[in-house]
Amino acid sequence: MNSSSETVNTGSDVARFHFISGLPRSGSTLLAGILKQNPAFHAAMSSPVSSLLNGALEQMGANGESNTFFDEQKKKRICRAIFEAYYANLSQPVIFDTNRHWTAHLHQMVELFDDFKVICCVRNPAWIMDSFEVIYRKNPFDYSRMFNAANRQTVYSRCESLIQSMGVVGSAWTSLKEAYYGEFSDRLLLIDYDILTRHPQRTLELIYKFIDEPLYEHDFNNVEYEESEFDQKLGVKGLHTVKKQVEFKSRRSILPPDLFVKYQEMDFWLDNTGTAASIIASKKGTA
């Protein structure tokens, strides 16, 4: 394992941190389910670490009553301590923390960790909207917290609420775009959902190369991951359930054609001009 990276103390040793981010409904839970097969890795669905970090920085910032008590070094130590405390009971030497908004905080992460990477799961936004709509229709009598009475009425209002700047899709999309064209884009590896499901073995080989870890033999026919209790509280059953076999299934979109056309051109990462990010995706117009 690369020993040059800055590490954080965990229960029995030190851990190297990487991050899973990107867009929702794009394979991050599937990727976590695959990676956690490796006994040296910890990976899971979105953790609260990003929210804890933001909350602490708000308290220590100019709007906090006690902001004068915190200099730059103390803020950094507290932020590092959040990671250390949250993962203190783990023994794995490599930890992947998942949150789709890490891409908006690379300027902070480079101050906390020397050699981290961010694996960004992406998917054509039209299919992301389609996936959310499929989940919505599979739970016809569960009014989830994802929507409210004003925006849940039709597929048009639901998609609009998802893509707005503070929506589930829109906020992740803008965060990713900021990182993709930012000064730390070399930390990013973007992985298209279709490529991950069509070619999991090759995709994982490239991930291991990117994070500089020895390759592990994964079982792509026996991937297990679900967070049924979390999904039940959210009111969206099946949101974080992964099927055991990694495979690509072609189907027709259930979105109205005009909505699909509206969102399908938002896959900005297929143009690699002006970025140093690494990308695993098909060229535009290819399967």
Protein backbone atom coordinates (compact mmCIF):
# COMPACT_ATOMS: atom_id res chain seq x y z
CA MET A 1 0.00 0.00 0.00
CA ASN A 2 1.16 3.51 -0.75
CA SER A 3 2.67 4.80 2.50
CA SER A 4 3.24 8.37 1.34
CA SER A 5 -0.36 9.46 1.98
CA GLU A 6 -1.42 11.21 5.14
CA THR A 7 -3.40 8.88 7.37
CA VAL A 8 -5.99 9.02 10.13
CA ASN A 9 -5.97 6.88 13.26
CA THR A 10 -8.68 4.23 13.49
CA GLY A 11 -9.29 1.54 16.08
CA SER A 12 -6.20 -0.54 15.46
CA ASP A 13 -4.03 1.23 12.92
CA VAL A 14 -4.05 4.10 10.46
CA ALA A 15 -6.34 4.41 7.46
CA ARG A 16 -5.98 5.85 4.02
CA PHE A 17 -9.02 7.82 2.88
CA HIS A 18 -10.72 7.95 -0.50
CA PHE A 19 -14.20 9.16 -1.40
CA ILE A 20 -17.16 8.00 -3.48
CA SER A 21 -19.17 10.85 -4.92
CA GLY A 22 -20.84 11.91 -8.16
CA LEU A 23 -24.50 11.74 -9.15
CA PRO A 24 -27.41 9.90 -7.49
CA ARG A 25 -28.83 6.72 -9.08
CA SER A 26 -25.50 6.24 -10.87
CA GLY A 27 -24.00 3.21 -9.15
CA SER A 28 -22.40 4.54 -5.96
CA THR A 29 -24.23 1.99 -3.77
CA LEU A 30 -23.37 -0.77 -6.24
CA LEU A 31 -19.73 0.31 -6.24
CA ALA A 32 -19.66 0.34 -2.43
CA GLY A 33 -21.15 -3.15 -2.40
CA ILE A 34 -18.40 -4.36 -4.72
CA LEU A 35 -15.53 -2.61 -2.96
CA LYS A 36 -16.49 -3.82 0.50
CA GLN A 37 -15.90 -7.40 -0.64
CA ASN A 38 -12.22 -6.55 -0.23
CA PRO A 39 -11.40 -7.15 3.46
CA ALA A 40 -8.94 -4.24 3.33
CA PHE A 41 -11.67 -1.78 2.31
CA HIS A 42 -14.55 -0.12 4.12
CA ALA A 43 -17.29 1.23 1.85
CA ALA A 44 -20.96 2.01 2.42
CA MET A 45 -23.82 4.30 1.39
CA SER A 46 -23.68 8.04 2.08
CA SER A 47 -22.33 8.80 5.54
CA PRO A 48 -23.07 11.84 7.73
CA VAL A 49 -19.39 12.89 7.85
CA SER A 50 -19.82 15.63 5.23
CA SER A 51 -22.77 17.13 7.14
CA LEU A 52 -20.86 16.94 10.43
CA LEU A 53 -17.91 18.69 8.81
CA ASN A 54 -20.09 21.45 7.38
CA GLY A 55 -21.88 21.90 10.70
CA ALA A 56 -18.60 22.26 12.57
CA LEU A 57 -17.25 24.77 10.07
CA GLU A 58 -20.45 26.82 10.31
CA GLN A 59 -20.05 26.99 14.09
CA MET A 60 -16.40 27.96 13.76
CA GLY A 61 -17.05 30.44 10.96
CA ALA A 62 -17.89 34.12 10.96
CA ASN A 63 -21.55 33.44 11.77
CA GLY A 64 -20.68 31.44 14.88
CA GLU A 65 -20.75 33.17 18.24
CA SER A 66 -17.39 31.66 19.22
CA ASN A 67 -15.56 32.02 15.92
CA THR A 68 -12.78 34.10 17.47
CA PHE A 69 -11.64 31.03 19.44
CA PHE A 70 -10.73 29.08 16.29
CA ASP A 71 -7.64 29.74 14.22
CA GLU A 72 -6.89 27.92 10.96
CA GLN A 73 -4.91 25.09 12.55
CA LYS A 74 -7.53 24.43 15.20
CA LYS A 75 -10.24 24.25 12.55
CA LYS A 76 -8.20 21.73 10.58
CA ARG A 77 -7.56 19.58 13.67
CA ILE A 78 -11.26 19.53 14.52
CA CYS A 79 -12.21 18.59 10.96
CA ARG A 80 -9.66 15.78 10.95
CA ALA A 81 -10.92 14.64 14.35
CA ILE A 82 -14.43 14.21 12.93
CA PHE A 83 -13.11 11.62 10.47
CA GLU A 84 -10.99 9.98 13.16
CA ALA A 85 -13.88 9.73 15.64
CA TYR A 86 -16.47 8.52 13.14
CA TYR A 87 -14.28 5.69 11.82
CA ALA A 88 -12.48 4.88 15.08
CA ASN A 89 -13.96 1.38 15.38
CA LEU A 90 -12.84 0.17 11.95
CA SER A 91 -9.77 -1.92 11.26
CA GLN A 92 -9.66 -1.66 7.46
CA PRO A 93 -6.60 0.24 6.18
CA VAL A 94 -8.55 1.85 3.31
CA ILE A 95 -11.79 3.76 3.91
CA PHE A 96 -14.15 5.06 1.24
CA ASP A 97 -16.50 7.71 2.58
CA THR A 98 -19.51 8.27 0.35
CA ASN A 99 -21.29 11.57 -0.19
CA ARG A 100 -22.34 13.19 -3.45
CA HIS A 101 -21.26 16.63 -2.22
CA TRP A 102 -17.60 15.88 -1.54
CA THR A 103 -16.89 17.21 -5.02
CA ALA A 104 -17.84 20.70 -3.83
CA HIS A 105 -15.30 20.55 -1.00
CA LEU A 106 -12.07 19.49 -2.68
CA HIS A 107 -10.41 22.75 -1.61
CA GLN A 108 -10.96 21.68 1.99
CA MET A 109 -10.07 18.01 1.51
CA VAL A 110 -6.65 18.79 0.04
CA GLU A 111 -5.85 20.58 3.31
CA LEU A 112 -6.86 17.53 5.37
CA PHE A 113 -5.47 14.62 3.32
CA ASP A 114 -2.39 14.40 1.13
CA ASP A 115 -3.18 11.64 -1.30
CA PHE A 116 -6.93 11.02 -1.54
CA LYS A 117 -8.89 10.17 -4.67
CA VAL A 118 -12.57 10.68 -5.47
CA ILE A 119 -14.44 8.02 -7.43
CA CYS A 120 -17.38 9.81 -9.09
CA CYS A 121 -20.24 7.67 -10.33
CA VAL A 122 -22.03 9.29 -13.27
CA ARG A 123 -24.90 8.50 -15.59
CA ASN A 124 -26.74 10.34 -18.31
CA PRO A 125 -29.07 12.67 -16.35
CA ALA A 126 -32.08 11.59 -18.45
CA TRP A 127 -31.62 8.05 -17.14
CA ILE A 128 -31.11 9.36 -13.60
CA MET A 129 -34.50 11.06 -13.81
CA ASP A 130 -35.95 7.88 -15.27
CA SER A 131 -34.53 5.83 -12.39
CA PHE A 132 -36.04 8.13 -9.76
CA GLU A 133 -39.38 7.91 -11.55
CA VAL A 134 -39.23 4.11 -11.62
CA ILE A 135 -38.63 4.05 -7.85
CA TYR A 136 -41.47 6.54 -7.31
CA ARG A 137 -43.95 4.42 -9.26
CA LYS A 138 -42.88 1.23 -7.51
CA ASN A 139 -44.07 2.77 -4.22
CA PRO A 140 -47.49 4.18 -5.21
CA PHE A 141 -48.81 4.54 -1.66
CA ASP A 142 -45.63 5.79 -0.01
CA TYR A 143 -45.32 9.57 -0.18
CA SER A 144 -41.60 9.90 0.40
CA ARG A 145 -39.69 12.82 1.86
CA MET A 146 -38.06 13.35 -1.52
CA PHE A 147 -41.09 15.32 -2.70
CA ASN A 148 -43.76 17.51 -1.11
CA ALA A 149 -47.41 18.17 -1.88
CA ALA A 150 -46.51 20.98 -4.26
CA ASN A 151 -44.08 19.10 -6.48
CA ARG A 152 -45.05 15.42 -6.38
CA GLN A 153 -48.14 15.72 -8.60
CA THR A 154 -46.72 14.85 -12.04
CA VAL A 155 -43.52 13.53 -13.58
CA TYR A 156 -42.83 17.06 -14.83
CA SER A 157 -43.01 18.63 -11.37
CA ARG A 158 -41.07 15.77 -9.84
CA CYS A 159 -38.24 16.07 -12.36
CA GLU A 160 -38.16 19.85 -11.95
CA SER A 161 -37.79 19.53 -8.18
CA LEU A 162 -34.96 17.02 -8.58
CA ILE A 163 -32.94 19.11 -11.04
CA GLN A 164 -33.23 22.52 -9.37
CA SER A 165 -30.04 23.88 -7.83
CA MET A 166 -30.90 22.61 -4.34
CA GLY A 167 -32.55 19.43 -5.59
CA VAL A 168 -31.15 15.93 -5.18
CA VAL A 169 -29.88 15.75 -8.76
CA GLY A 170 -29.19 19.42 -9.42
CA SER A 171 -27.03 19.99 -6.35
CA ALA A 172 -24.93 16.89 -7.07
CA TRP A 173 -24.63 17.84 -10.76
CA THR A 174 -23.35 21.36 -10.01
CA SER A 175 -20.96 20.04 -7.34
CA LEU A 176 -19.50 17.56 -9.79
CA LYS A 177 -19.21 20.15 -12.52
CA GLU A 178 -17.36 22.50 -10.16
CA ALA A 179 -14.84 19.78 -9.34
CA TYR A 180 -14.55 18.55 -12.94
CA TYR A 181 -13.33 21.94 -14.15
CA GLY A 182 -11.57 22.92 -10.92
CA GLU A 183 -7.91 23.01 -9.96
CA PHE A 184 -8.06 19.61 -8.22
CA SER A 185 -9.73 17.70 -11.04
CA ASP A 186 -6.77 15.31 -11.23
CA ARG A 187 -8.11 13.76 -8.00
CA LEU A 188 -11.26 12.58 -9.82
CA LEU A 189 -12.08 9.32 -11.57
CA LEU A 190 -15.48 9.46 -13.27
CA ILE A 191 -17.15 6.10 -13.92
CA ASP A 192 -20.22 5.80 -16.11
CA TYR A 193 -22.92 3.51 -14.73
CA ASP A 194 -23.34 1.68 -18.03
CA ILE A 195 -19.62 0.86 -18.20
CA LEU A 196 -19.58 -0.34 -14.58
CA THR A 197 -22.50 -2.70 -15.18
CA ARG A 198 -21.33 -3.90 -18.60
CA HIS A 199 -17.63 -4.32 -17.76
CA PRO A 200 -17.25 -4.58 -13.96
CA GLN A 201 -13.96 -6.49 -14.02
CA ARG A 202 -12.15 -3.99 -16.24
CA THR A 203 -13.69 -1.06 -14.38
CA LEU A 204 -12.46 -2.33 -11.03
CA GLU A 205 -8.99 -2.92 -12.47
CA LEU A 206 -8.86 0.75 -13.47
CA ILE A 207 -10.13 1.86 -10.05
CA TYR A 208 -7.42 -0.11 -8.26
CA LYS A 209 -4.79 1.37 -10.56
CA PHE A 210 -6.12 4.88 -9.93
CA ILE A 211 -6.01 4.53 -6.12
CA ASP A 212 -2.69 2.62 -6.21
CA GLU A 213 -3.89 -0.50 -4.38
CA PRO A 214 -3.18 -4.18 -5.17
CA LEU A 215 -5.97 -5.76 -7.21
CA TYR A 216 -8.49 -7.92 -5.39
CA GLU A 217 -10.56 -10.66 -7.05
CA HIS A 218 -14.17 -9.55 -6.69
CA ASP A 219 -17.24 -11.75 -7.14
CA PHE A 220 -19.57 -9.84 -9.46
CA ASN A 221 -22.25 -12.54 -9.17
CA ASN A 222 -22.59 -12.19 -5.42
CA VAL A 223 -22.72 -8.48 -4.53
CA GLU A 224 -24.79 -7.77 -1.43
CA TYR A 225 -25.84 -4.37 -0.13
CA GLU A 226 -29.06 -2.86 1.16
CA GLU A 227 -30.14 -0.20 3.64
CA SER A 228 -33.81 -1.12 4.06
CA GLU A 229 -34.25 0.67 7.40
CA PHE A 230 -32.83 3.93 6.03
CA ASP A 231 -34.95 3.67 2.88
CA GLN A 232 -38.07 2.93 4.91
CA LYS A 233 -37.57 6.07 7.01
CA LEU A 234 -37.12 8.06 3.83
CA GLY A 235 -40.26 6.50 2.38
CA VAL A 236 -38.48 5.17 -0.72
CA LYS A 237 -38.23 1.39 -0.52
CA GLY A 238 -35.47 -0.10 -2.64
CA LEU A 239 -33.49 3.13 -3.04
CA HIS A 240 -30.29 1.55 -1.68
CA THR A 241 -30.83 -2.11 -2.55
CA VAL A 242 -28.29 -3.73 -4.87
CA LYS A 243 -29.04 -6.83 -6.90
CA LYS A 244 -26.58 -9.67 -6.36
CA GLN A 245 -25.41 -9.94 -9.98
CA VAL A 246 -23.71 -7.01 -11.66
CA GLU A 247 -25.27 -6.75 -15.11
CA PHE A 248 -26.55 -4.22 -17.59
CA LYS A 249 -30.23 -4.38 -18.52
CA SER A 250 -31.47 -2.43 -21.49
CA ARG A 251 -35.01 -1.05 -21.31
CA ARG A 252 -37.22 1.73 -22.61
CA SER A 253 -37.41 4.93 -20.58
CA ILE A 254 -40.71 5.67 -18.85
CA LEU A 255 -40.14 9.42 -19.14
CA PRO A 256 -42.16 11.39 -21.69
CA PRO A 257 -39.91 11.92 -24.74
CA ASP A 258 -39.68 15.69 -24.27
CA LEU A 259 -38.37 15.26 -20.72
CA PHE A 260 -35.80 12.68 -21.80
CA VAL A 261 -34.51 15.01 -24.53
CA LYS A 262 -34.41 17.90 -22.04
CA TYR A 263 -31.97 16.13 -19.70
CA GLN A 264 -29.92 13.85 -21.94
CA GLU A 265 -27.54 16.61 -23.09
CA MET A 266 -26.40 17.40 -19.53
CA ASP A 267 -23.58 14.81 -19.55
CA PHE A 268 -20.82 17.44 -19.62
CA TRP A 269 -18.11 14.91 -18.67
CA LEU A 270 -18.10 13.45 -22.16
CA ASP A 271 -16.13 16.56 -23.17
CA ASN A 272 -12.74 16.32 -21.47
CA THR A 273 -11.55 19.75 -22.59
CA GLY A 274 -10.37 21.84 -19.66
CA THR A 275 -10.13 19.09 -17.05
CA ALA A 276 -7.47 16.77 -15.67
CA ALA A 277 -10.03 14.23 -14.44
CA SER A 278 -9.79 10.58 -15.46
CA ILE A 279 -12.91 9.22 -17.14
CA ILE A 280 -14.27 5.73 -17.78
CA ALA A 281 -17.20 6.26 -20.15
CA SER A 282 -18.36 5.54 -23.66
CA LYS A 283 -17.95 8.20 -26.27
CA LYS A 284 -21.07 10.17 -27.04
CA GLY A 285 -23.36 8.27 -29.36
CA THR A 286 -21.88 4.84 -28.61
CA ALA A 287 -23.24 2.04 -26.46
